[in-house]
Amino acid sequence: MTVIQELYHLQNSLSLIFDRIGITQEIQANMSLNELSPQEQDQLSLLIEKFEFGLEEIRKNPSNLEEGFDQRLFIRLGNYYYCEGNISQALEYYDLSSVIDENEWAHFNSARILQLQEQLDVAYKKYDQAIKLKPDFSQALCRQAEILIHQGESEKALEKLKKSQQLNPNDLETNKLIADYYIEHGENRKALIHLKAIHHRDPDVRTKIEKLEQKQSFLNRLFSRFRKK
């Protein structure tokens, strides 16, 4: 069996384990190996070690990646290394995935890491690359909005968030950020609309709704008194 044939076999085995523990193409913040038995964990470690060893031959000639390899597996390997705290290895696998077939998740996950490292301008451009490949990529639009908010560009951020919400009306992060914008600008009624769309998915949102409704009720009573006078 050649090195490449061995890698084909290993990638199928890795995919089965990643399916089992829920490693998808999107970075999973709460990924856990606890669902695997100690024997399965040892098997996963051995498979990755063998895959890494075989990949050394591929790194010398990346054109070998263009046929027969699954770019999705390389993204999932990147996510595995990200969750293990090996950022450089994660980024390398995203890059290798794009050698096989340029794809939105490789750009998005790279951008997410860069954003967390506060390399905001580079991350923003990476999100742009993801959106060019997938124009309806609501998560990428939402993350770009986060960067714009951090940079003090709240109006531009709101434009991105509205696009994201049109594509995915019940997205948790998008609705939270839109609500935060309206709260900051004193538009509590509009904020409540977006919070109520997602309140069943986050207990903290329910608390925020209660506080806003109490505040809005107080303001309504106050305005009512002024009108009577």
Protein backbone atom coordinates (compact mmCIF):
# COMPACT_ATOMS: atom_id res chain seq x y z
CA MET A 1 0.00 0.00 0.00
CA THR A 2 1.38 3.42 -0.98
CA VAL A 3 1.51 6.38 1.40
CA ILE A 4 -1.40 8.05 -0.40
CA GLN A 5 -3.51 4.88 -0.29
CA GLU A 6 -2.81 4.62 3.43
CA LEU A 7 -3.93 8.22 3.90
CA TYR A 8 -7.16 7.50 1.99
CA HIS A 9 -7.85 4.64 4.38
CA LEU A 10 -6.99 6.72 7.45
CA GLN A 11 -9.20 9.62 6.45
CA ASN A 12 -12.22 7.31 6.25
CA SER A 13 -11.51 5.98 9.76
CA LEU A 14 -11.04 9.51 11.12
CA SER A 15 -14.31 10.67 9.57
CA LEU A 16 -16.21 7.92 11.38
CA ILE A 17 -14.78 8.96 14.75
CA PHE A 18 -15.36 12.66 14.09
CA ASP A 19 -18.98 11.84 13.22
CA ARG A 20 -19.28 10.07 16.55
CA ILE A 21 -18.05 13.02 18.65
CA GLY A 22 -19.71 15.71 16.55
CA ILE A 23 -16.75 17.44 14.93
CA THR A 24 -18.26 19.23 11.94
CA GLN A 25 -16.80 21.81 9.56
CA GLU A 26 -17.72 24.58 12.01
CA ILE A 27 -15.51 25.18 15.04
CA GLN A 28 -17.12 23.53 18.04
CA ALA A 29 -16.30 25.44 21.21
CA ASN A 30 -17.57 22.65 23.47
CA MET A 31 -16.10 19.65 21.69
CA SER A 32 -15.43 16.81 24.07
CA LEU A 33 -13.68 13.46 23.77
CA ASN A 34 -15.65 12.18 26.78
CA GLU A 35 -18.09 10.37 24.49
CA LEU A 36 -15.27 8.08 23.42
CA SER A 37 -14.11 5.15 25.46
CA PRO A 38 -10.43 5.15 26.54
CA GLN A 39 -9.76 2.61 23.79
CA GLU A 40 -11.42 4.84 21.18
CA GLN A 41 -9.46 7.85 22.40
CA ASP A 42 -6.25 5.87 22.01
CA GLN A 43 -7.39 4.80 18.55
CA LEU A 44 -8.08 8.41 17.55
CA SER A 45 -4.66 9.54 18.79
CA LEU A 46 -2.97 6.72 16.85
CA LEU A 47 -4.92 7.47 13.66
CA ILE A 48 -4.02 11.16 13.80
CA GLU A 49 -0.38 10.31 14.50
CA LYS A 50 -0.29 8.00 11.47
CA PHE A 51 -2.09 10.56 9.33
CA GLU A 52 0.40 13.25 10.34
CA PHE A 53 3.31 10.94 9.53
CA GLY A 54 1.92 10.12 6.09
CA LEU A 55 1.14 13.75 5.41
CA GLU A 56 4.83 14.62 5.54
CA GLU A 57 5.15 13.16 2.03
CA ILE A 58 2.22 15.25 0.84
CA ARG A 59 3.67 18.46 2.27
CA LYS A 60 6.66 18.01 -0.04
CA ASN A 61 4.32 17.92 -3.02
CA PRO A 62 0.95 19.56 -2.20
CA SER A 63 -0.37 18.85 -5.71
CA ASN A 64 -1.00 15.28 -4.49
CA LEU A 65 -3.84 16.72 -2.41
CA GLU A 66 -5.82 17.67 -5.48
CA GLU A 67 -7.28 14.22 -6.07
CA GLY A 68 -8.87 11.70 -3.73
CA PHE A 69 -8.70 13.69 -0.50
CA ASP A 70 -11.70 15.02 1.38
CA GLN A 71 -11.30 18.75 2.07
CA ARG A 72 -14.03 18.49 4.73
CA LEU A 73 -11.90 16.07 6.76
CA PHE A 74 -8.99 18.52 6.70
CA ILE A 75 -11.27 21.23 8.07
CA ARG A 76 -12.48 18.87 10.79
CA LEU A 77 -8.88 18.01 11.66
CA GLY A 78 -8.22 21.74 11.92
CA ASN A 79 -11.19 22.06 14.29
CA TYR A 80 -9.89 19.15 16.36
CA TYR A 81 -6.49 20.84 16.74
CA TYR A 82 -8.16 24.18 17.51
CA CYS A 83 -10.10 22.59 20.36
CA GLU A 84 -6.88 20.97 21.55
CA GLY A 85 -5.28 24.43 21.66
CA ASN A 86 -2.87 23.82 18.77
CA ILE A 87 -3.66 26.93 16.74
CA SER A 88 -0.81 26.73 14.23
CA GLN A 89 -1.72 23.14 13.35
CA ALA A 90 -5.37 24.11 12.98
CA LEU A 91 -4.53 26.93 10.57
CA GLU A 92 -2.28 24.62 8.54
CA TYR A 93 -5.10 22.12 8.05
CA TYR A 94 -7.49 24.88 6.94
CA ASP A 95 -4.87 25.95 4.37
CA LEU A 96 -4.38 22.37 3.17
CA SER A 97 -8.15 22.04 2.83
CA SER A 98 -8.21 25.00 0.47
CA VAL A 99 -5.43 23.40 -1.61
CA ILE A 100 -7.80 20.47 -2.21
CA ASP A 101 -10.78 22.72 -2.92
CA GLU A 102 -11.17 26.35 -1.86
CA ASN A 103 -14.11 26.45 0.51
CA GLU A 104 -15.94 28.84 2.79
CA TRP A 105 -15.42 26.93 6.03
CA ALA A 106 -11.63 26.97 5.75
CA HIS A 107 -11.72 30.77 5.37
CA PHE A 108 -14.37 31.20 8.08
CA ASN A 109 -12.56 29.09 10.68
CA SER A 110 -9.24 30.77 9.94
CA ALA A 111 -10.94 34.14 10.31
CA ARG A 112 -12.51 33.08 13.61
CA ILE A 113 -9.11 32.22 15.05
CA LEU A 114 -7.58 35.45 13.73
CA GLN A 115 -10.46 37.43 15.24
CA LEU A 116 -9.95 35.80 18.63
CA GLN A 117 -6.27 36.73 18.34
CA GLU A 118 -7.42 40.32 17.65
CA GLN A 119 -5.96 40.35 14.14
CA LEU A 120 -9.17 42.06 13.13
CA ASP A 121 -8.34 43.49 9.70
CA VAL A 122 -6.95 40.19 8.45
CA ALA A 123 -9.89 38.31 9.94
CA TYR A 124 -12.38 40.67 8.26
CA LYS A 125 -10.80 39.97 4.86
CA LYS A 126 -10.90 36.24 5.52
CA TYR A 127 -14.62 36.50 6.26
CA ASP A 128 -14.97 38.36 2.96
CA GLN A 129 -13.37 35.40 1.17
CA ALA A 130 -15.86 33.06 2.84
CA ILE A 131 -18.79 35.27 1.82
CA LYS A 132 -17.59 35.42 -1.80
CA LEU A 133 -17.75 31.64 -1.91
CA LYS A 134 -21.06 31.51 -0.03
CA PRO A 135 -23.02 34.80 -0.33
CA ASP A 136 -25.68 33.61 2.14
CA PHE A 137 -23.10 32.84 4.85
CA SER A 138 -24.94 34.53 7.73
CA GLN A 139 -22.38 33.49 10.37
CA ALA A 140 -19.59 35.27 8.48
CA LEU A 141 -21.69 38.45 8.17
CA CYS A 142 -22.40 38.34 11.91
CA ARG A 143 -18.71 37.95 12.76
CA GLN A 144 -17.81 40.87 10.48
CA ALA A 145 -20.38 42.93 12.37
CA GLU A 146 -18.65 42.02 15.64
CA ILE A 147 -15.38 43.36 14.24
CA LEU A 148 -17.05 46.58 13.06
CA ILE A 149 -18.62 47.08 16.50
CA HIS A 150 -15.21 46.61 18.11
CA GLN A 151 -13.83 49.24 15.73
CA GLY A 152 -16.59 51.72 16.55
CA GLU A 153 -18.44 51.31 13.24
CA SER A 154 -21.85 50.50 14.72
CA GLU A 155 -23.92 51.74 11.75
CA LYS A 156 -21.98 49.58 9.28
CA ALA A 157 -22.26 46.71 11.74
CA LEU A 158 -26.04 47.06 11.82
CA GLU A 159 -26.17 46.80 8.02
CA LYS A 160 -24.24 43.51 8.20
CA LEU A 161 -26.47 42.24 11.01
CA LYS A 162 -29.66 43.02 9.11
CA LYS A 163 -28.35 41.01 6.15
CA SER A 164 -27.43 38.17 8.48
CA GLN A 165 -30.87 38.24 10.10
CA GLN A 166 -32.63 38.19 6.73
CA LEU A 167 -30.71 35.04 5.85
CA ASN A 168 -31.16 33.41 9.27
CA PRO A 169 -34.00 35.14 11.18
CA ASN A 170 -33.59 33.18 14.42
CA ASP A 171 -29.80 33.26 14.70
CA LEU A 172 -28.92 33.74 18.36
CA GLU A 173 -25.79 35.90 18.04
CA THR A 174 -27.21 38.10 15.27
CA ASN A 175 -30.37 38.94 17.21
CA LYS A 176 -28.39 39.59 20.39
CA LEU A 177 -26.12 42.07 18.62
CA ILE A 178 -29.04 43.85 16.92
CA ALA A 179 -30.80 44.10 20.29
CA ASP A 180 -27.64 45.51 21.89
CA TYR A 181 -27.48 48.16 19.14
CA TYR A 182 -31.08 49.24 19.75
CA ILE A 183 -30.64 49.26 23.55
CA GLU A 184 -27.57 51.47 23.16
CA HIS A 185 -29.61 53.86 21.01
CA GLY A 186 -32.57 53.90 23.40
CA GLU A 187 -34.89 51.92 21.13
CA ASN A 188 -36.03 49.35 23.66
CA ARG A 189 -39.17 48.29 21.78
CA LYS A 190 -37.12 47.28 18.75
CA ALA A 191 -34.62 45.52 21.00
CA LEU A 192 -37.41 43.49 22.60
CA ILE A 193 -38.58 42.21 19.21
CA HIS A 194 -35.18 40.66 18.55
CA LEU A 195 -34.72 39.34 22.08
CA LYS A 196 -38.15 37.67 22.12
CA ALA A 197 -37.27 35.86 18.89
CA ILE A 198 -34.50 33.99 20.72
CA HIS A 199 -35.56 34.01 24.40
CA HIS A 200 -36.31 30.26 24.42
CA ARG A 201 -32.68 29.48 23.55
CA ASP A 202 -30.83 31.48 26.20
CA PRO A 203 -31.86 32.03 29.86
CA ASP A 204 -29.82 35.25 30.02
CA VAL A 205 -31.98 36.69 27.25
CA ARG A 206 -35.11 36.13 29.34
CA THR A 207 -33.56 38.14 32.17
CA LYS A 208 -32.68 40.96 29.78
CA ILE A 209 -36.25 40.97 28.42
CA GLU A 210 -37.69 41.27 31.95
CA LYS A 211 -35.43 44.21 32.76
CA LEU A 212 -36.25 45.98 29.49
CA GLU A 213 -39.98 45.43 29.92
CA GLN A 214 -39.83 46.84 33.47
CA LYS A 215 -37.91 49.85 32.21
CA GLN A 216 -40.30 50.32 29.30
CA SER A 217 -43.30 50.03 31.61
CA PHE A 218 -41.85 52.70 33.91
CA LEU A 219 -41.21 55.02 30.95
CA ASN A 220 -44.73 54.46 29.62
CA ARG A 221 -46.23 55.40 33.02
CA LEU A 222 -43.96 58.44 33.21
CA PHE A 223 -44.93 59.66 29.73
CA SER A 224 -48.59 59.03 30.55
CA ARG A 225 -48.36 61.34 33.58
CA PHE A 226 -46.76 64.09 31.51
CA ARG A 227 -49.51 63.81 28.90
CA LYS A 228 -52.19 64.16 31.57
CA LYS A 229 -50.59 67.36 32.84
